[in-house]
């Protein structure tokens, strides 16, 4: 059974089947903070071994609907100067300004992912960030904010290439793209 995404709210009603690879990025997008003050839209992602529901802002709902319609691909608007990228861009290393724009929480997250050679569950990632780097994050949505910061600075495509996320059925798990490991370890003196 393919996962189904439904988005409902005042004047909004969208339901669409998506691929199993598309569901985790949609869930991750739904966990990001929105800019609307009114959170009146509900997103539901369900499928075999998967159930996720959350009330989201209208601007996040727009992103979720776009991803569902395009089966996981979002159109990037803006210029490369603003950290936006196109869907077809391939990455050759980290951006030149990557380390100068890295926050303490983003650095802690990357270091934890470097220490762990494989997937790290959301809760475990947050726990290790707090214990090892004094960068406590109390909730999953707050961790999504850390990821959203990387997306704002360097574009969603790059962020998704750097840190992969996947839904386990209970929570999101993350891992670092090992293509960046050497450069990250060198610059972070790790």
C-alpha atoms as a PDB file:
ATOM      1  CA  UNK A   1       0.000   0.000   0.000  1.00  0.00           C
ATOM      2  CA  UNK A   2       1.503   3.315  -1.095  1.00  0.00           C
ATOM      3  CA  UNK A   3       1.517   6.094   1.502  1.00  0.00           C
ATOM      4  CA  UNK A   4      -1.293   8.625   1.252  1.00  0.00           C
ATOM      5  CA  UNK A   5      -0.906  12.312   2.069  1.00  0.00           C
ATOM      6  CA  UNK A   6      -3.986  14.323   2.930  1.00  0.00           C
ATOM      7  CA  UNK A   7      -4.036  18.027   3.706  1.00  0.00           C
ATOM      8  CA  UNK A   8      -7.287  19.507   5.001  1.00  0.00           C
ATOM      9  CA  UNK A   9      -8.287  22.886   6.314  1.00  0.00           C
ATOM     10  CA  UNK A  10     -10.483  25.896   5.627  1.00  0.00           C
ATOM     11  CA  UNK A  11     -10.835  25.847   1.838  1.00  0.00           C
ATOM     12  CA  UNK A  12      -8.135  23.158   1.430  1.00  0.00           C
ATOM     13  CA  UNK A  13      -8.716  19.485   0.727  1.00  0.00           C
ATOM     14  CA  UNK A  14      -5.980  17.495  -1.017  1.00  0.00           C
ATOM     15  CA  UNK A  15      -5.412  13.746  -0.925  1.00  0.00           C
ATOM     16  CA  UNK A  16      -2.738  12.012  -2.956  1.00  0.00           C
ATOM     17  CA  UNK A  17      -0.783   8.753  -3.018  1.00  0.00           C
ATOM     18  CA  UNK A  18       2.986   9.242  -2.938  1.00  0.00           C
ATOM     19  CA  UNK A  19       6.011   6.966  -3.146  1.00  0.00           C
ATOM     20  CA  UNK A  20       7.557   5.503   0.007  1.00  0.00           C
ATOM     21  CA  UNK A  21      10.615   7.710  -0.604  1.00  0.00           C
ATOM     22  CA  UNK A  22       8.445  10.838  -0.733  1.00  0.00           C
ATOM     23  CA  UNK A  23       6.656  10.326   2.593  1.00  0.00           C
ATOM     24  CA  UNK A  24       9.675  11.064   4.903  1.00  0.00           C
ATOM     25  CA  UNK A  25      10.531  14.438   3.296  1.00  0.00           C
ATOM     26  CA  UNK A  26       6.844  15.403   3.490  1.00  0.00           C
ATOM     27  CA  UNK A  27       6.770  14.510   7.190  1.00  0.00           C
ATOM     28  CA  UNK A  28       9.978  16.469   7.726  1.00  0.00           C
ATOM     29  CA  UNK A  29       8.521  19.487   5.909  1.00  0.00           C
ATOM     30  CA  UNK A  30       5.378  19.229   8.038  1.00  0.00           C
ATOM     31  CA  UNK A  31       7.528  19.363  11.179  1.00  0.00           C
ATOM     32  CA  UNK A  32       9.211  22.623  10.175  1.00  0.00           C
ATOM     33  CA  UNK A  33       7.964  25.853  11.744  1.00  0.00           C
ATOM     34  CA  UNK A  34       5.736  28.005   9.564  1.00  0.00           C
ATOM     35  CA  UNK A  35       5.374  31.754   9.336  1.00  0.00           C
ATOM     36  CA  UNK A  36       1.574  31.965   9.523  1.00  0.00           C
ATOM     37  CA  UNK A  37       0.125  32.867  12.887  1.00  0.00           C
ATOM     38  CA  UNK A  38      -2.963  30.710  12.329  1.00  0.00           C
ATOM     39  CA  UNK A  39      -2.359  26.980  12.253  1.00  0.00           C
ATOM     40  CA  UNK A  40      -5.595  25.704  10.777  1.00  0.00           C
ATOM     41  CA  UNK A  41      -4.416  23.017   8.353  1.00  0.00           C
ATOM     42  CA  UNK A  42      -4.010  19.328   9.193  1.00  0.00           C
ATOM     43  CA  UNK A  43      -1.593  17.075   7.335  1.00  0.00           C
ATOM     44  CA  UNK A  44      -1.911  13.318   7.586  1.00  0.00           C
ATOM     45  CA  UNK A  45       0.544  10.810   6.117  1.00  0.00           C
ATOM     46  CA  UNK A  46      -0.489   7.176   6.364  1.00  0.00           C
ATOM     47  CA  UNK A  47       0.637   3.923   4.852  1.00  0.00           C
ATOM     48  CA  UNK A  48       1.863   0.477   5.777  1.00  0.00           C
ATOM     49  CA  UNK A  49       3.597   0.848   9.162  1.00  0.00           C
ATOM     50  CA  UNK A  50       3.324   4.641   8.941  1.00  0.00           C
ATOM     51  CA  UNK A  51       0.976   7.094  10.620  1.00  0.00           C
ATOM     52  CA  UNK A  52       1.673  10.804  11.065  1.00  0.00           C
ATOM     53  CA  UNK A  53      -0.717  13.675  11.747  1.00  0.00           C
ATOM     54  CA  UNK A  54       0.000  17.286  12.613  1.00  0.00           C
ATOM     55  CA  UNK A  55      -1.638  20.702  12.542  1.00  0.00           C
ATOM     56  CA  UNK A  56       0.523  22.989  10.415  1.00  0.00           C
ATOM     57  CA  UNK A  57       0.542  26.558   9.155  1.00  0.00           C
ATOM     58  CA  UNK A  58      -0.809  27.441   5.732  1.00  0.00           C
ATOM     59  CA  UNK A  59       2.640  28.254   4.320  1.00  0.00           C
ATOM     60  CA  UNK A  60       3.990  24.838   5.364  1.00  0.00           C
ATOM     61  CA  UNK A  61       0.825  23.250   3.926  1.00  0.00           C
ATOM     62  CA  UNK A  62       1.660  24.845   0.582  1.00  0.00           C
ATOM     63  CA  UNK A  63       5.100  23.180   0.638  1.00  0.00           C
ATOM     64  CA  UNK A  64       3.607  19.815   1.648  1.00  0.00           C
ATOM     65  CA  UNK A  65       0.988  19.950  -1.121  1.00  0.00           C
ATOM     66  CA  UNK A  66       3.635  20.885  -3.687  1.00  0.00           C
ATOM     67  CA  UNK A  67       5.832  17.963  -2.588  1.00  0.00           C
ATOM     68  CA  UNK A  68       2.898  15.530  -2.736  1.00  0.00           C
ATOM     69  CA  UNK A  69       1.885  16.690  -6.203  1.00  0.00           C
ATOM     70  CA  UNK A  70       5.455  16.518  -7.498  1.00  0.00           C
ATOM     71  CA  UNK A  71       6.094  13.241  -5.626  1.00  0.00           C
ATOM     72  CA  UNK A  72       8.743  14.707  -3.349  1.00  0.00           C
ATOM     73  CA  UNK A  73      10.289  17.370  -5.526  1.00  0.00           C
ATOM     74  CA  UNK A  74       9.832  21.022  -4.651  1.00  0.00           C
ATOM     75  CA  UNK A  75      10.433  23.899  -6.982  1.00  0.00           C
ATOM     76  CA  UNK A  76      13.146  26.138  -5.641  1.00  0.00           C
ATOM     77  CA  UNK A  77      12.464  29.823  -6.007  1.00  0.00           C
ATOM     78  CA  UNK A  78      15.030  32.535  -5.581  1.00  0.00           C
ATOM     79  CA  UNK A  79      18.621  32.824  -6.616  1.00  0.00           C
ATOM     80  CA  UNK A  80      21.703  30.834  -5.780  1.00  0.00           C
ATOM     81  CA  UNK A  81      22.933  33.889  -3.866  1.00  0.00           C
ATOM     82  CA  UNK A  82      20.096  33.322  -1.396  1.00  0.00           C
ATOM     83  CA  UNK A  83      21.103  29.693  -0.894  1.00  0.00           C
ATOM     84  CA  UNK A  84      18.439  28.353  -3.242  1.00  0.00           C
ATOM     85  CA  UNK A  85      19.211  25.586  -5.684  1.00  0.00           C
ATOM     86  CA  UNK A  86      17.492  23.875  -8.561  1.00  0.00           C
ATOM     87  CA  UNK A  87      16.187  20.307  -8.419  1.00  0.00           C
ATOM     88  CA  UNK A  88      18.838  19.130 -10.872  1.00  0.00           C
ATOM     89  CA  UNK A  89      21.936  20.617  -9.238  1.00  0.00           C
ATOM     90  CA  UNK A  90      24.654  18.207  -8.196  1.00  0.00           C
ATOM     91  CA  UNK A  91      26.957  19.156  -5.354  1.00  0.00           C
ATOM     92  CA  UNK A  92      30.730  19.057  -5.435  1.00  0.00           C
ATOM     93  CA  UNK A  93      31.663  19.492  -1.796  1.00  0.00           C
ATOM     94  CA  UNK A  94      30.448  21.906   0.826  1.00  0.00           C
ATOM     95  CA  UNK A  95      29.578  25.516  -0.059  1.00  0.00           C
ATOM     96  CA  UNK A  96      32.444  27.973   0.494  1.00  0.00           C
ATOM     97  CA  UNK A  97      30.578  29.744   3.306  1.00  0.00           C
ATOM     98  CA  UNK A  98      29.271  26.555   4.945  1.00  0.00           C
ATOM     99  CA  UNK A  99      31.342  26.681   8.135  1.00  0.00           C
ATOM    100  CA  UNK A 100      31.108  30.452   8.637  1.00  0.00           C
ATOM    101  CA  UNK A 101      27.291  30.201   8.547  1.00  0.00           C
ATOM    102  CA  UNK A 102      27.001  27.103  10.758  1.00  0.00           C
ATOM    103  CA  UNK A 103      25.215  27.636  14.096  1.00  0.00           C
ATOM    104  CA  UNK A 104      26.338  25.895  17.293  1.00  0.00           C
ATOM    105  CA  UNK A 105      23.321  23.573  17.140  1.00  0.00           C
ATOM    106  CA  UNK A 106      23.934  22.715  13.495  1.00  0.00           C
ATOM    107  CA  UNK A 107      27.584  21.982  14.286  1.00  0.00           C
ATOM    108  CA  UNK A 108      26.572  19.785  17.235  1.00  0.00           C
ATOM    109  CA  UNK A 109      24.124  17.887  15.039  1.00  0.00           C
ATOM    110  CA  UNK A 110      26.753  17.290  12.369  1.00  0.00           C
ATOM    111  CA  UNK A 111      29.317  16.152  14.956  1.00  0.00           C
ATOM    112  CA  UNK A 112      26.869  13.639  16.447  1.00  0.00           C
ATOM    113  CA  UNK A 113      26.107  12.319  12.963  1.00  0.00           C
ATOM    114  CA  UNK A 114      29.858  12.083  12.258  1.00  0.00           C
ATOM    115  CA  UNK A 115      30.385  10.076  15.462  1.00  0.00           C
ATOM    116  CA  UNK A 116      27.621   7.647  14.544  1.00  0.00           C
ATOM    117  CA  UNK A 117      28.426   5.731  11.385  1.00  0.00           C
ATOM    118  CA  UNK A 118      24.812   5.004  10.432  1.00  0.00           C
ATOM    119  CA  UNK A 119      21.260   6.091  11.129  1.00  0.00           C
ATOM    120  CA  UNK A 120      20.493   7.999  14.352  1.00  0.00           C
ATOM    121  CA  UNK A 121      16.930   8.277  15.641  1.00  0.00           C
ATOM    122  CA  UNK A 122      15.573  11.772  16.278  1.00  0.00           C
ATOM    123  CA  UNK A 123      15.358  11.309  20.069  1.00  0.00           C
ATOM    124  CA  UNK A 124      18.857   9.837  20.317  1.00  0.00           C
ATOM    125  CA  UNK A 125      20.293  12.606  18.147  1.00  0.00           C
ATOM    126  CA  UNK A 126      18.755  15.271  20.395  1.00  0.00           C
ATOM    127  CA  UNK A 127      19.968  13.463  23.536  1.00  0.00           C
ATOM    128  CA  UNK A 128      23.558  13.217  22.268  1.00  0.00           C
ATOM    129  CA  UNK A 129      23.566  16.858  21.150  1.00  0.00           C
ATOM    130  CA  UNK A 130      22.593  17.896  24.676  1.00  0.00           C
ATOM    131  CA  UNK A 131      24.918  15.544  26.550  1.00  0.00           C
ATOM    132  CA  UNK A 132      28.011  15.880  24.381  1.00  0.00           C
ATOM    133  CA  UNK A 133      27.801  19.456  23.121  1.00  0.00           C
ATOM    134  CA  UNK A 134      25.477  21.216  25.591  1.00  0.00           C
ATOM    135  CA  UNK A 135      23.052  21.980  22.753  1.00  0.00           C
ATOM    136  CA  UNK A 136      19.862  20.547  24.220  1.00  0.00           C
ATOM    137  CA  UNK A 137      16.841  20.332  21.952  1.00  0.00           C
ATOM    138  CA  UNK A 138      13.657  19.336  23.726  1.00  0.00           C
ATOM    139  CA  UNK A 139      11.451  18.316  20.803  1.00  0.00           C
ATOM    140  CA  UNK A 140      11.493  16.902  17.294  1.00  0.00           C
ATOM    141  CA  UNK A 141       9.979  20.044  15.764  1.00  0.00           C
ATOM    142  CA  UNK A 142      12.844  22.085  17.255  1.00  0.00           C
ATOM    143  CA  UNK A 143      15.316  19.752  15.535  1.00  0.00           C
ATOM    144  CA  UNK A 144      13.426  20.365  12.300  1.00  0.00           C
ATOM    145  CA  UNK A 145      14.132  24.057  12.866  1.00  0.00           C
ATOM    146  CA  UNK A 146      17.873  23.306  12.976  1.00  0.00           C
ATOM    147  CA  UNK A 147      17.544  21.496   9.651  1.00  0.00           C
ATOM    148  CA  UNK A 148      15.370  24.263   8.212  1.00  0.00           C
ATOM    149  CA  UNK A 149      18.169  26.722   9.014  1.00  0.00           C
ATOM    150  CA  UNK A 150      20.559  24.713   6.846  1.00  0.00           C
ATOM    151  CA  UNK A 151      17.939  24.663   4.079  1.00  0.00           C
ATOM    152  CA  UNK A 152      17.446  28.441   4.269  1.00  0.00           C
ATOM    153  CA  UNK A 153      21.186  29.085   4.065  1.00  0.00           C
ATOM    154  CA  UNK A 154      22.174  26.549   1.432  1.00  0.00           C
ATOM    155  CA  UNK A 155      18.966  25.305  -0.228  1.00  0.00           C
ATOM    156  CA  UNK A 156      16.798  22.268   0.447  1.00  0.00           C
ATOM    157  CA  UNK A 157      18.476  20.094  -2.173  1.00  0.00           C
ATOM    158  CA  UNK A 158      21.904  20.574  -0.605  1.00  0.00           C
ATOM    159  CA  UNK A 159      20.565  20.037   2.923  1.00  0.00           C
ATOM    160  CA  UNK A 160      18.850  16.827   1.817  1.00  0.00           C
ATOM    161  CA  UNK A 161      22.104  15.698   0.175  1.00  0.00           C
ATOM    162  CA  UNK A 162      24.143  16.472   3.308  1.00  0.00           C
ATOM    163  CA  UNK A 163      21.761  14.971   5.892  1.00  0.00           C
ATOM    164  CA  UNK A 164      19.370  12.232   4.845  1.00  0.00           C
ATOM    165  CA  UNK A 165      16.149  11.707   6.791  1.00  0.00           C
ATOM    166  CA  UNK A 166      13.839   8.699   6.801  1.00  0.00           C
ATOM    167  CA  UNK A 167      10.602   7.939   8.660  1.00  0.00           C
ATOM    168  CA  UNK A 168      10.743   4.740  10.767  1.00  0.00           C
ATOM    169  CA  UNK A 169       7.033   4.577  11.523  1.00  0.00           C
ATOM    170  CA  UNK A 170       7.573   6.080  14.974  1.00  0.00           C
ATOM    171  CA  UNK A 171      10.074   8.869  14.434  1.00  0.00           C
ATOM    172  CA  UNK A 172      12.500  10.295  11.902  1.00  0.00           C
ATOM    173  CA  UNK A 173      16.032   8.930  11.677  1.00  0.00           C
ATOM    174  CA  UNK A 174      18.992  10.803  10.198  1.00  0.00           C
ATOM    175  CA  UNK A 175      22.386  10.028   8.740  1.00  0.00           C
ATOM    176  CA  UNK A 176      25.184  12.043   7.207  1.00  0.00           C
ATOM    177  CA  UNK A 177      26.160  11.641   3.568  1.00  0.00           C
ATOM    178  CA  UNK A 178      29.650  10.145   3.883  1.00  0.00           C
ATOM    179  CA  UNK A 179      30.760  11.979   0.717  1.00  0.00           C
ATOM    180  CA  UNK A 180      31.159  15.051   2.955  1.00  0.00           C
ATOM    181  CA  UNK A 181      32.782  13.275   5.914  1.00  0.00           C
ATOM    182  CA  UNK A 182      36.444  14.038   5.186  1.00  0.00           C
ATOM    183  CA  UNK A 183      35.821  17.740   4.555  1.00  0.00           C
ATOM    184  CA  UNK A 184      33.639  18.044   7.680  1.00  0.00           C
ATOM    185  CA  UNK A 185      36.144  16.264   9.921  1.00  0.00           C
ATOM    186  CA  UNK A 186      39.011  18.411   8.631  1.00  0.00           C
ATOM    187  CA  UNK A 187      37.237  21.752   9.098  1.00  0.00           C
ATOM    188  CA  UNK A 188      35.679  20.827  12.459  1.00  0.00           C
ATOM    189  CA  UNK A 189      38.995  19.440  13.818  1.00  0.00           C
ATOM    190  CA  UNK A 190      37.135  16.249  14.534  1.00  0.00           C
END
